[in-house]
Amino acid sequence: FEKNNLPYLKDNLANFACRVLHSYSLESNTLFVAEVIAA
């Protein structure tokens, strides 16, 4: 289903909508720090 203009699996334990505050790039991965705007 879609909520907050984002997709979610219907069979889930809990769901979160998040907005990125900061991102940090490493060689293999990027770390996103994000505010939870809905849960």
PDB file of all heavy atoms in Angstrom:
ATOM      1  N   PHE A   1       0.846  -1.185   0.000  1.00  0.00           N
ATOM      2  CA  PHE A   1       0.000   0.000   0.000  1.00  0.00           C
ATOM      3  C   PHE A   1       0.885   1.239   0.000  1.00  0.00           C
ATOM      4  O   PHE A   1       2.095   1.167   0.264  1.00  0.00           O
ATOM      5  CB  PHE A   1      -0.946   0.009   1.203  1.00  0.00           C
ATOM      6  CG  PHE A   1      -0.262   0.134   2.538  1.00  0.00           C
ATOM      7  CD1 PHE A   1      -0.096   1.383   3.156  1.00  0.00           C
ATOM      8  CD2 PHE A   1       0.220  -0.992   3.199  1.00  0.00           C
ATOM      9  CE1 PHE A   1       0.526   1.492   4.387  1.00  0.00           C
ATOM     10  CE2 PHE A   1       0.852  -0.891   4.444  1.00  0.00           C
ATOM     11  CZ  PHE A   1       1.004   0.358   5.035  1.00  0.00           C
ATOM     12  N   GLU A   2       0.293   2.363  -0.327  1.00  0.00           N
ATOM     13  CA  GLU A   2       1.029   3.621  -0.360  1.00  0.00           C
ATOM     14  C   GLU A   2       0.479   4.581   0.681  1.00  0.00           C
ATOM     15  O   GLU A   2      -0.726   4.707   0.854  1.00  0.00           O
ATOM     16  CB  GLU A   2       0.939   4.254  -1.749  1.00  0.00           C
ATOM     17  CG  GLU A   2       1.804   5.497  -1.909  1.00  0.00           C
ATOM     18  CD  GLU A   2       1.858   5.989  -3.342  1.00  0.00           C
ATOM     19  OE1 GLU A   2       2.424   5.263  -4.190  1.00  0.00           O
ATOM     20  OE2 GLU A   2       1.340   7.082  -3.617  1.00  0.00           O
ATOM     21  N   LYS A   3       1.379   5.225   1.388  1.00  0.00           N
ATOM     22  CA  LYS A   3       1.015   6.202   2.401  1.00  0.00           C
ATOM     23  C   LYS A   3       2.140   7.224   2.485  1.00  0.00           C
ATOM     24  O   LYS A   3       3.316   6.868   2.360  1.00  0.00           O
ATOM     25  CB  LYS A   3       0.809   5.518   3.759  1.00  0.00           C
ATOM     26  CG  LYS A   3       0.239   6.411   4.848  1.00  0.00           C
ATOM     27  CD  LYS A   3       0.009   5.592   6.122  1.00  0.00           C
ATOM     28  CE  LYS A   3      -0.582   6.457   7.228  1.00  0.00           C
ATOM     29  NZ  LYS A   3      -0.796   5.666   8.475  1.00  0.00           N
ATOM     30  N   ASN A   4       1.804   8.469   2.683  1.00  0.00           N
ATOM     31  CA  ASN A   4       2.812   9.536   2.708  1.00  0.00           C
ATOM     32  C   ASN A   4       3.630   9.546   1.419  1.00  0.00           C
ATOM     33  O   ASN A   4       4.819   9.900   1.416  1.00  0.00           O
ATOM     34  CB  ASN A   4       3.754   9.382   3.910  1.00  0.00           C
ATOM     35  CG  ASN A   4       3.033   9.233   5.228  1.00  0.00           C
ATOM     36  OD1 ASN A   4       2.206  10.069   5.567  1.00  0.00           O
ATOM     37  ND2 ASN A   4       3.329   8.176   5.966  1.00  0.00           N
ATOM     38  N   ASN A   5       2.981   9.122   0.333  1.00  0.00           N
ATOM     39  CA  ASN A   5       3.624   9.053  -0.986  1.00  0.00           C
ATOM     40  C   ASN A   5       4.803   8.083  -1.003  1.00  0.00           C
ATOM     41  O   ASN A   5       5.732   8.235  -1.795  1.00  0.00           O
ATOM     42  CB  ASN A   5       4.086  10.436  -1.450  1.00  0.00           C
ATOM     43  CG  ASN A   5       4.369  10.472  -2.949  1.00  0.00           C
ATOM     44  OD1 ASN A   5       3.679   9.856  -3.737  1.00  0.00           O
ATOM     45  ND2 ASN A   5       5.425  11.182  -3.346  1.00  0.00           N
ATOM     46  N   LEU A   6       4.759   7.073  -0.128  1.00  0.00           N
ATOM     47  CA  LEU A   6       5.811   6.073  -0.060  1.00  0.00           C
ATOM     48  C   LEU A   6       5.199   4.671  -0.034  1.00  0.00           C
ATOM     49  O   LEU A   6       4.088   4.494   0.481  1.00  0.00           O
ATOM     50  CB  LEU A   6       6.673   6.281   1.186  1.00  0.00           C
ATOM     51  CG  LEU A   6       7.570   7.520   1.194  1.00  0.00           C
ATOM     52  CD1 LEU A   6       8.105   7.774   2.600  1.00  0.00           C
ATOM     53  CD2 LEU A   6       8.718   7.364   0.202  1.00  0.00           C
ATOM     54  N   PRO A   7       5.902   3.663  -0.561  1.00  0.00           N
ATOM     55  CA  PRO A   7       5.369   2.296  -0.585  1.00  0.00           C
ATOM     56  C   PRO A   7       5.699   1.521   0.676  1.00  0.00           C
ATOM     57  O   PRO A   7       6.784   1.677   1.259  1.00  0.00           O
ATOM     58  CB  PRO A   7       6.078   1.684  -1.805  1.00  0.00           C
ATOM     59  CG  PRO A   7       7.410   2.373  -1.822  1.00  0.00           C
ATOM     60  CD  PRO A   7       7.166   3.779  -1.321  1.00  0.00           C
ATOM     61  N   TYR A   8       4.746   0.659   1.100  1.00  0.00           N
ATOM     62  CA  TYR A   8       4.942  -0.184   2.281  1.00  0.00           C
ATOM     63  C   TYR A   8       4.448  -1.596   1.979  1.00  0.00           C
ATOM     64  O   TYR A   8       3.433  -1.775   1.299  1.00  0.00           O
ATOM     65  CB  TYR A   8       4.157   0.349   3.483  1.00  0.00           C
ATOM     66  CG  TYR A   8       4.540   1.736   3.921  1.00  0.00           C
ATOM     67  CD1 TYR A   8       3.954   2.848   3.329  1.00  0.00           C
ATOM     68  CD2 TYR A   8       5.479   1.938   4.920  1.00  0.00           C
ATOM     69  CE1 TYR A   8       4.303   4.140   3.713  1.00  0.00           C
ATOM     70  CE2 TYR A   8       5.832   3.213   5.325  1.00  0.00           C
ATOM     71  CZ  TYR A   8       5.231   4.311   4.720  1.00  0.00           C
ATOM     72  OH  TYR A   8       5.592   5.573   5.108  1.00  0.00           O
ATOM     73  N   LEU A   9       5.152  -2.572   2.519  1.00  0.00           N
ATOM     74  CA  LEU A   9       4.686  -3.952   2.445  1.00  0.00           C
ATOM     75  C   LEU A   9       3.444  -4.093   3.313  1.00  0.00           C
ATOM     76  O   LEU A   9       3.408  -3.612   4.450  1.00  0.00           O
ATOM     77  CB  LEU A   9       5.790  -4.883   2.942  1.00  0.00           C
ATOM     78  CG  LEU A   9       5.562  -6.383   2.759  1.00  0.00           C
ATOM     79  CD1 LEU A   9       5.651  -6.749   1.284  1.00  0.00           C
ATOM     80  CD2 LEU A   9       6.588  -7.163   3.574  1.00  0.00           C
ATOM     81  N   LYS A  10       2.412  -4.759   2.779  1.00  0.00           N
ATOM     82  CA  LYS A  10       1.165  -4.898   3.541  1.00  0.00           C
ATOM     83  C   LYS A  10       1.356  -5.750   4.787  1.00  0.00           C
ATOM     84  O   LYS A  10       0.837  -5.432   5.862  1.00  0.00           O
ATOM     85  CB  LYS A  10       0.075  -5.495   2.645  1.00  0.00           C
ATOM     86  CG  LYS A  10      -1.306  -5.469   3.274  1.00  0.00           C
ATOM     87  CD  LYS A  10      -2.372  -5.890   2.278  1.00  0.00           C
ATOM     88  CE  LYS A  10      -3.758  -5.806   2.899  1.00  0.00           C
ATOM     89  NZ  LYS A  10      -4.818  -6.218   1.946  1.00  0.00           N
ATOM     90  N   ASP A  11       2.099  -6.844   4.664  1.00  0.00           N
ATOM     91  CA  ASP A  11       2.344  -7.732   5.806  1.00  0.00           C
ATOM     92  C   ASP A  11       3.609  -7.268   6.517  1.00  0.00           C
ATOM     93  O   ASP A  11       4.716  -7.717   6.215  1.00  0.00           O
ATOM     94  CB  ASP A  11       2.489  -9.177   5.328  1.00  0.00           C
ATOM     95  CG  ASP A  11       2.657 -10.152   6.481  1.00  0.00           C
ATOM     96  OD1 ASP A  11       2.440  -9.750   7.647  1.00  0.00           O
ATOM     97  OD2 ASP A  11       3.022 -11.313   6.231  1.00  0.00           O
ATOM     98  N   ASN A  12       3.455  -6.340   7.467  1.00  0.00           N
ATOM     99  CA  ASN A  12       4.618  -5.856   8.191  1.00  0.00           C
ATOM    100  C   ASN A  12       4.327  -5.756   9.678  1.00  0.00           C
ATOM    101  O   ASN A  12       3.175  -5.732  10.110  1.00  0.00           O
ATOM    102  CB  ASN A  12       5.106  -4.523   7.623  1.00  0.00           C
ATOM    103  CG  ASN A  12       4.168  -3.374   7.939  1.00  0.00           C
ATOM    104  OD1 ASN A  12       4.036  -2.939   9.079  1.00  0.00           O
ATOM    105  ND2 ASN A  12       3.508  -2.849   6.899  1.00  0.00           N
ATOM    106  N   LEU A  13       5.392  -5.703  10.446  1.00  0.00           N
ATOM    107  CA  LEU A  13       5.293  -5.612  11.901  1.00  0.00           C
ATOM    108  C   LEU A  13       5.060  -4.164  12.336  1.00  0.00           C
ATOM    109  O   LEU A  13       4.297  -3.878  13.253  1.00  0.00           O
ATOM    110  CB  LEU A  13       6.575  -6.158  12.521  1.00  0.00           C
ATOM    111  CG  LEU A  13       6.644  -6.324  14.031  1.00  0.00           C
ATOM    112  CD1 LEU A  13       5.572  -7.286  14.517  1.00  0.00           C
ATOM    113  CD2 LEU A  13       8.025  -6.835  14.423  1.00  0.00           C
ATOM    114  N   ALA A  14       5.745  -3.256  11.661  1.00  0.00           N
ATOM    115  CA  ALA A  14       5.601  -1.818  11.892  1.00  0.00           C
ATOM    116  C   ALA A  14       6.139  -1.116  10.655  1.00  0.00           C
ATOM    117  O   ALA A  14       6.898  -1.702   9.872  1.00  0.00           O
ATOM    118  CB  ALA A  14       6.373  -1.377  13.133  1.00  0.00           C
ATOM    119  N   ASN A  15       5.727   0.138  10.473  1.00  0.00           N
ATOM    120  CA  ASN A  15       6.213   0.863   9.306  1.00  0.00           C
ATOM    121  C   ASN A  15       6.542   2.307   9.667  1.00  0.00           C
ATOM    122  O   ASN A  15       5.949   2.886  10.580  1.00  0.00           O
ATOM    123  CB  ASN A  15       5.222   0.778   8.151  1.00  0.00           C
ATOM    124  CG  ASN A  15       3.815   1.168   8.538  1.00  0.00           C
ATOM    125  OD1 ASN A  15       3.517   2.356   8.692  1.00  0.00           O
ATOM    126  ND2 ASN A  15       2.933   0.186   8.719  1.00  0.00           N
ATOM    127  N   PHE A  16       7.497   2.852   8.918  1.00  0.00           N
ATOM    128  CA  PHE A  16       8.013   4.189   9.202  1.00  0.00           C
ATOM    129  C   PHE A  16       8.178   4.986   7.914  1.00  0.00           C
ATOM    130  O   PHE A  16       8.584   4.431   6.884  1.00  0.00           O
ATOM    131  CB  PHE A  16       9.387   4.104   9.882  1.00  0.00           C
ATOM    132  CG  PHE A  16       9.401   3.314  11.153  1.00  0.00           C
ATOM    133  CD1 PHE A  16       9.618   1.940  11.139  1.00  0.00           C
ATOM    134  CD2 PHE A  16       9.197   3.930  12.377  1.00  0.00           C
ATOM    135  CE1 PHE A  16       9.630   1.205  12.312  1.00  0.00           C
ATOM    136  CE2 PHE A  16       9.214   3.201  13.562  1.00  0.00           C
ATOM    137  CZ  PHE A  16       9.424   1.834  13.528  1.00  0.00           C
ATOM    138  N   ALA A  17       7.880   6.259   8.001  1.00  0.00           N
ATOM    139  CA  ALA A  17       8.202   7.195   6.929  1.00  0.00           C
ATOM    140  C   ALA A  17       9.325   8.088   7.446  1.00  0.00           C
ATOM    141  O   ALA A  17       9.246   8.615   8.556  1.00  0.00           O
ATOM    142  CB  ALA A  17       6.987   8.038   6.556  1.00  0.00           C
ATOM    143  N   CYS A  18      10.369   8.258   6.640  1.00  0.00           N
ATOM    144  CA  CYS A  18      11.568   8.952   7.119  1.00  0.00           C
ATOM    145  C   CYS A  18      12.033  10.009   6.116  1.00  0.00           C
ATOM    146  O   CYS A  18      11.941   9.805   4.898  1.00  0.00           O
ATOM    147  CB  CYS A  18      12.700   7.950   7.342  1.00  0.00           C
ATOM    148  SG  CYS A  18      12.281   6.593   8.481  1.00  0.00           S
ATOM    149  N   ARG A  19      12.550  11.113   6.664  1.00  0.00           N
ATOM    150  CA  ARG A  19      13.095  12.196   5.841  1.00  0.00           C
ATOM    151  C   ARG A  19      14.571  12.363   6.182  1.00  0.00           C
ATOM    152  O   ARG A  19      14.945  12.522   7.344  1.00  0.00           O
ATOM    153  CB  ARG A  19      12.340  13.500   6.092  1.00  0.00           C
ATOM    154  CG  ARG A  19      12.837  14.670   5.250  1.00  0.00           C
ATOM    155  CD  ARG A  19      12.080  15.949   5.557  1.00  0.00           C
ATOM    156  NE  ARG A  19      10.655  15.811   5.224  1.00  0.00           N
ATOM    157  CZ  ARG A  19       9.668  15.965   6.111  1.00  0.00           C
ATOM    158  NH1 ARG A  19       9.952  16.267   7.378  1.00  0.00           N
ATOM    159  NH2 ARG A  19       8.421  15.838   5.742  1.00  0.00           N
ATOM    160  N   VAL A  20      15.418  12.310   5.167  1.00  0.00           N
ATOM    161  CA  VAL A  20      16.865  12.350   5.364  1.00  0.00           C
ATOM    162  C   VAL A  20      17.305  13.709   5.916  1.00  0.00           C
ATOM    163  O   VAL A  20      16.935  14.763   5.384  1.00  0.00           O
ATOM    164  CB  VAL A  20      17.611  12.051   4.051  1.00  0.00           C
ATOM    165  CG1 VAL A  20      19.119  12.213   4.233  1.00  0.00           C
ATOM    166  CG2 VAL A  20      17.288  10.637   3.565  1.00  0.00           C
ATOM    167  N   LEU A  21      18.107  13.654   6.976  1.00  0.00           N
ATOM    168  CA  LEU A  21      18.704  14.863   7.557  1.00  0.00           C
ATOM    169  C   LEU A  21      20.154  15.025   7.115  1.00  0.00           C
ATOM    170  O   LEU A  21      20.598  16.132   6.805  1.00  0.00           O
ATOM    171  CB  LEU A  21      18.652  14.791   9.085  1.00  0.00           C
ATOM    172  CG  LEU A  21      17.266  14.706   9.729  1.00  0.00           C
ATOM    173  CD1 LEU A  21      17.410  14.485  11.237  1.00  0.00           C
ATOM    174  CD2 LEU A  21      16.453  15.956   9.447  1.00  0.00           C
ATOM    175  N   HIS A  22      20.891  13.916   7.109  1.00  0.00           N
ATOM    176  CA  HIS A  22      22.301  13.937   6.739  1.00  0.00           C
ATOM    177  C   HIS A  22      22.636  12.628   6.029  1.00  0.00           C
ATOM    178  O   HIS A  22      21.984  11.606   6.242  1.00  0.00           O
ATOM    179  CB  HIS A  22      23.209  14.074   7.975  1.00  0.00           C
ATOM    180  CG  HIS A  22      22.879  15.234   8.858  1.00  0.00           C
ATOM    181  ND1 HIS A  22      23.206  16.531   8.538  1.00  0.00           N
ATOM    182  CD2 HIS A  22      22.240  15.292  10.057  1.00  0.00           C
ATOM    183  CE1 HIS A  22      22.796  17.342   9.494  1.00  0.00           C
ATOM    184  NE2 HIS A  22      22.198  16.614  10.434  1.00  0.00           N
ATOM    185  N   SER A  23      23.660  12.664   5.204  1.00  0.00           N
ATOM    186  CA  SER A  23      24.171  11.438   4.593  1.00  0.00           C
ATOM    187  C   SER A  23      25.692  11.465   4.630  1.00  0.00           C
ATOM    188  O   SER A  23      26.316  12.532   4.507  1.00  0.00           O
ATOM    189  CB  SER A  23      23.673  11.275   3.161  1.00  0.00           C
ATOM    190  OG  SER A  23      24.155  12.314   2.333  1.00  0.00           O
ATOM    191  N   TYR A  24      26.276  10.279   4.827  1.00  0.00           N
ATOM    192  CA  TYR A  24      27.723  10.144   4.937  1.00  0.00           C
ATOM    193  C   TYR A  24      28.157   9.011   4.012  1.00  0.00           C
ATOM    194  O   TYR A  24      27.718   7.877   4.164  1.00  0.00           O
ATOM    195  CB  TYR A  24      28.132   9.840   6.376  1.00  0.00           C
ATOM    196  CG  TYR A  24      27.609  10.846   7.372  1.00  0.00           C
ATOM    197  CD1 TYR A  24      26.366  10.661   7.991  1.00  0.00           C
ATOM    198  CD2 TYR A  24      28.338  11.994   7.686  1.00  0.00           C
ATOM    199  CE1 TYR A  24      25.876  11.590   8.897  1.00  0.00           C
ATOM    200  CE2 TYR A  24      27.852  12.928   8.597  1.00  0.00           C
ATOM    201  CZ  TYR A  24      26.617  12.713   9.193  1.00  0.00           C
ATOM    202  OH  TYR A  24      26.125  13.635  10.088  1.00  0.00           O
ATOM    203  N   SER A  25      29.017   9.323   3.055  1.00  0.00           N
ATOM    204  CA  SER A  25      29.429   8.342   2.055  1.00  0.00           C
ATOM    205  C   SER A  25      30.717   7.645   2.451  1.00  0.00           C
ATOM    206  O   SER A  25      31.697   8.298   2.839  1.00  0.00           O
ATOM    207  CB  SER A  25      29.619   9.022   0.695  1.00  0.00           C
ATOM    208  OG  SER A  25      28.388   9.524   0.208  1.00  0.00           O
ATOM    209  N   LEU A  26      30.708   6.324   2.365  1.00  0.00           N
ATOM    210  CA  LEU A  26      31.886   5.500   2.541  1.00  0.00           C
ATOM    211  C   LEU A  26      32.147   4.793   1.211  1.00  0.00           C
ATOM    212  O   LEU A  26      31.382   4.928   0.255  1.00  0.00           O
ATOM    213  CB  LEU A  26      31.670   4.498   3.673  1.00  0.00           C
ATOM    214  CG  LEU A  26      31.361   5.123   5.043  1.00  0.00           C
ATOM    215  CD1 LEU A  26      30.968   4.038   6.028  1.00  0.00           C
ATOM    216  CD2 LEU A  26      32.566   5.904   5.555  1.00  0.00           C
ATOM    217  N   GLU A  27      33.213   4.013   1.150  1.00  0.00           N
ATOM    218  CA  GLU A  27      33.561   3.387  -0.122  1.00  0.00           C
ATOM    219  C   GLU A  27      32.476   2.439  -0.619  1.00  0.00           C
ATOM    220  O   GLU A  27      32.158   2.411  -1.805  1.00  0.00           O
ATOM    221  CB  GLU A  27      34.889   2.634   0.013  1.00  0.00           C
ATOM    222  CG  GLU A  27      35.379   2.038  -1.289  1.00  0.00           C
ATOM    223  CD  GLU A  27      36.739   1.377  -1.159  1.00  0.00           C
ATOM    224  OE1 GLU A  27      37.396   1.570  -0.115  1.00  0.00           O
ATOM    225  OE2 GLU A  27      37.143   0.665  -2.083  1.00  0.00           O
ATOM    226  N   SER A  28      31.890   1.657   0.276  1.00  0.00           N
ATOM    227  CA  SER A  28      30.907   0.654  -0.141  1.00  0.00           C
ATOM    228  C   SER A  28      29.471   1.058   0.153  1.00  0.00           C
ATOM    229  O   SER A  28      28.548   0.595  -0.526  1.00  0.00           O
ATOM    230  CB  SER A  28      31.194  -0.683   0.549  1.00  0.00           C
ATOM    231  OG  SER A  28      31.044  -0.558   1.959  1.00  0.00           O
ATOM    232  N   ASN A  29      29.269   1.877   1.159  1.00  0.00           N
ATOM    233  CA  ASN A  29      27.923   2.192   1.631  1.00  0.00           C
ATOM    234  C   ASN A  29      27.750   3.684   1.889  1.00  0.00           C
ATOM    235  O   ASN A  29      28.730   4.413   2.031  1.00  0.00           O
ATOM    236  CB  ASN A  29      27.614   1.442   2.928  1.00  0.00           C
ATOM    237  CG  ASN A  29      27.367  -0.026   2.723  1.00  0.00           C
ATOM    238  OD1 ASN A  29      28.214  -0.730   2.181  1.00  0.00           O
ATOM    239  ND2 ASN A  29      26.230  -0.511   3.157  1.00  0.00           N
ATOM    240  N   THR A  30      26.481   4.087   1.965  1.00  0.00           N
ATOM    241  CA  THR A  30      26.135   5.437   2.407  1.00  0.00           C
ATOM    242  C   THR A  30      25.280   5.319   3.657  1.00  0.00           C
ATOM    243  O   THR A  30      24.348   4.507   3.712  1.00  0.00           O
ATOM    244  CB  THR A  30      25.368   6.210   1.325  1.00  0.00           C
ATOM    245  OG1 THR A  30      26.246   6.478   0.237  1.00  0.00           O
ATOM    246  CG2 THR A  30      24.834   7.530   1.854  1.00  0.00           C
ATOM    247  N   LEU A  31      25.605   6.100   4.660  1.00  0.00           N
ATOM    248  CA  LEU A  31      24.841   6.125   5.902  1.00  0.00           C
ATOM    249  C   LEU A  31      23.906   7.326   5.869  1.00  0.00           C
ATOM    250  O   LEU A  31      24.336   8.465   5.746  1.00  0.00           O
ATOM    251  CB  LEU A  31      25.775   6.236   7.108  1.00  0.00           C
ATOM    252  CG  LEU A  31      25.081   6.280   8.472  1.00  0.00           C
ATOM    253  CD1 LEU A  31      24.477   4.912   8.798  1.00  0.00           C
ATOM    254  CD2 LEU A  31      26.070   6.690   9.565  1.00  0.00           C
ATOM    255  N   PHE A  32      22.605   7.044   5.953  1.00  0.00           N
ATOM    256  CA  PHE A  32      21.594   8.095   6.039  1.00  0.00           C
ATOM    257  C   PHE A  32      21.159   8.253   7.493  1.00  0.00           C
ATOM    258  O   PHE A  32      20.837   7.262   8.148  1.00  0.00           O
ATOM    259  CB  PHE A  32      20.361   7.748   5.204  1.00  0.00           C
ATOM    260  CG  PHE A  32      20.594   7.720   3.719  1.00  0.00           C
ATOM    261  CD1 PHE A  32      20.602   6.517   3.029  1.00  0.00           C
ATOM    262  CD2 PHE A  32      20.792   8.897   3.011  1.00  0.00           C
ATOM    263  CE1 PHE A  32      20.804   6.481   1.654  1.00  0.00           C
ATOM    264  CE2 PHE A  32      20.998   8.880   1.636  1.00  0.00           C
ATOM    265  CZ  PHE A  32      21.004   7.668   0.955  1.00  0.00           C
ATOM    266  N   VAL A  33      21.145   9.459   7.982  1.00  0.00           N
ATOM    267  CA  VAL A  33      20.515   9.776   9.259  1.00  0.00           C
ATOM    268  C   VAL A  33      19.226  10.510   8.919  1.00  0.00           C
ATOM    269  O   VAL A  33      19.242  11.532   8.217  1.00  0.00           O
ATOM    270  CB  VAL A  33      21.416  10.646  10.146  1.00  0.00           C
ATOM    271  CG1 VAL A  33      20.677  11.038  11.423  1.00  0.00           C
ATOM    272  CG2 VAL A  33      22.700   9.906  10.487  1.00  0.00           C
ATOM    273  N   ALA A  34      18.093   9.969   9.378  1.00  0.00           N
ATOM    274  CA  ALA A  34      16.804  10.478   8.930  1.00  0.00           C
ATOM    275  C   ALA A  34      15.835  10.663  10.093  1.00  0.00           C
ATOM    276  O   ALA A  34      15.825   9.882  11.044  1.00  0.00           O
ATOM    277  CB  ALA A  34      16.188   9.532   7.905  1.00  0.00           C
ATOM    278  N   GLU A  35      15.018  11.686   9.994  1.00  0.00           N
ATOM    279  CA  GLU A  35      13.965  11.923  10.982  1.00  0.00           C
ATOM    280  C   GLU A  35      12.754  11.054  10.663  1.00  0.00           C
ATOM    281  O   GLU A  35      12.344  10.952   9.496  1.00  0.00           O
ATOM    282  CB  GLU A  35      13.556  13.392  10.982  1.00  0.00           C
ATOM    283  CG  GLU A  35      12.470  13.713  11.993  1.00  0.00           C
ATOM    284  CD  GLU A  35      12.081  15.184  12.003  1.00  0.00           C
ATOM    285  OE1 GLU A  35      12.621  15.951  11.183  1.00  0.00           O
ATOM    286  OE2 GLU A  35      11.224  15.548  12.831  1.00  0.00           O
ATOM    287  N   VAL A  36      12.201  10.424  11.673  1.00  0.00           N
ATOM    288  CA  VAL A  36      10.974   9.639  11.505  1.00  0.00           C
ATOM    289  C   VAL A  36       9.800  10.606  11.552  1.00  0.00           C
ATOM    290  O   VAL A  36       9.535  11.233  12.578  1.00  0.00           O
ATOM    291  CB  VAL A  36      10.845   8.572  12.605  1.00  0.00           C
ATOM    292  CG1 VAL A  36       9.524   7.816  12.450  1.00  0.00           C
ATOM    293  CG2 VAL A  36      12.027   7.602  12.563  1.00  0.00           C
ATOM    294  N   ILE A  37       9.095  10.738  10.433  1.00  0.00           N
ATOM    295  CA  ILE A  37       7.984  11.686  10.373  1.00  0.00           C
ATOM    296  C   ILE A  37       6.631  11.008  10.571  1.00  0.00           C
ATOM    297  O   ILE A  37       5.614  11.676  10.802  1.00  0.00           O
ATOM    298  CB  ILE A  37       7.990  12.463   9.038  1.00  0.00           C
ATOM    299  CG1 ILE A  37       7.903  11.509   7.845  1.00  0.00           C
ATOM    300  CG2 ILE A  37       9.251  13.316   8.939  1.00  0.00           C
ATOM    301  CD1 ILE A  37       7.801  12.219   6.507  1.00  0.00           C
ATOM    302  N   ALA A  38       6.617   9.675  10.505  1.00  0.00           N
ATOM    303  CA  ALA A  38       5.391   8.907  10.773  1.00  0.00           C
ATOM    304  C   ALA A  38       5.792   7.495  11.149  1.00  0.00           C
ATOM    305  O   ALA A  38       6.758   6.949  10.616  1.00  0.00           O
ATOM    306  CB  ALA A  38       4.465   8.891   9.564  1.00  0.00           C
ATOM    307  N   ALA A  39       5.069   6.905  12.088  1.00  0.00           N
ATOM    308  CA  ALA A  39       5.353   5.538  12.522  1.00  0.00           C
ATOM    309  C   ALA A  39       4.058   4.866  12.957  1.00  0.00           C
ATOM    310  O   ALA A  39       3.173   5.517  13.525  1.00  0.00           O
ATOM    311  CB  ALA A  39       6.350   5.534  13.679  1.00  0.00           C
TER     312      ALA A  39
END
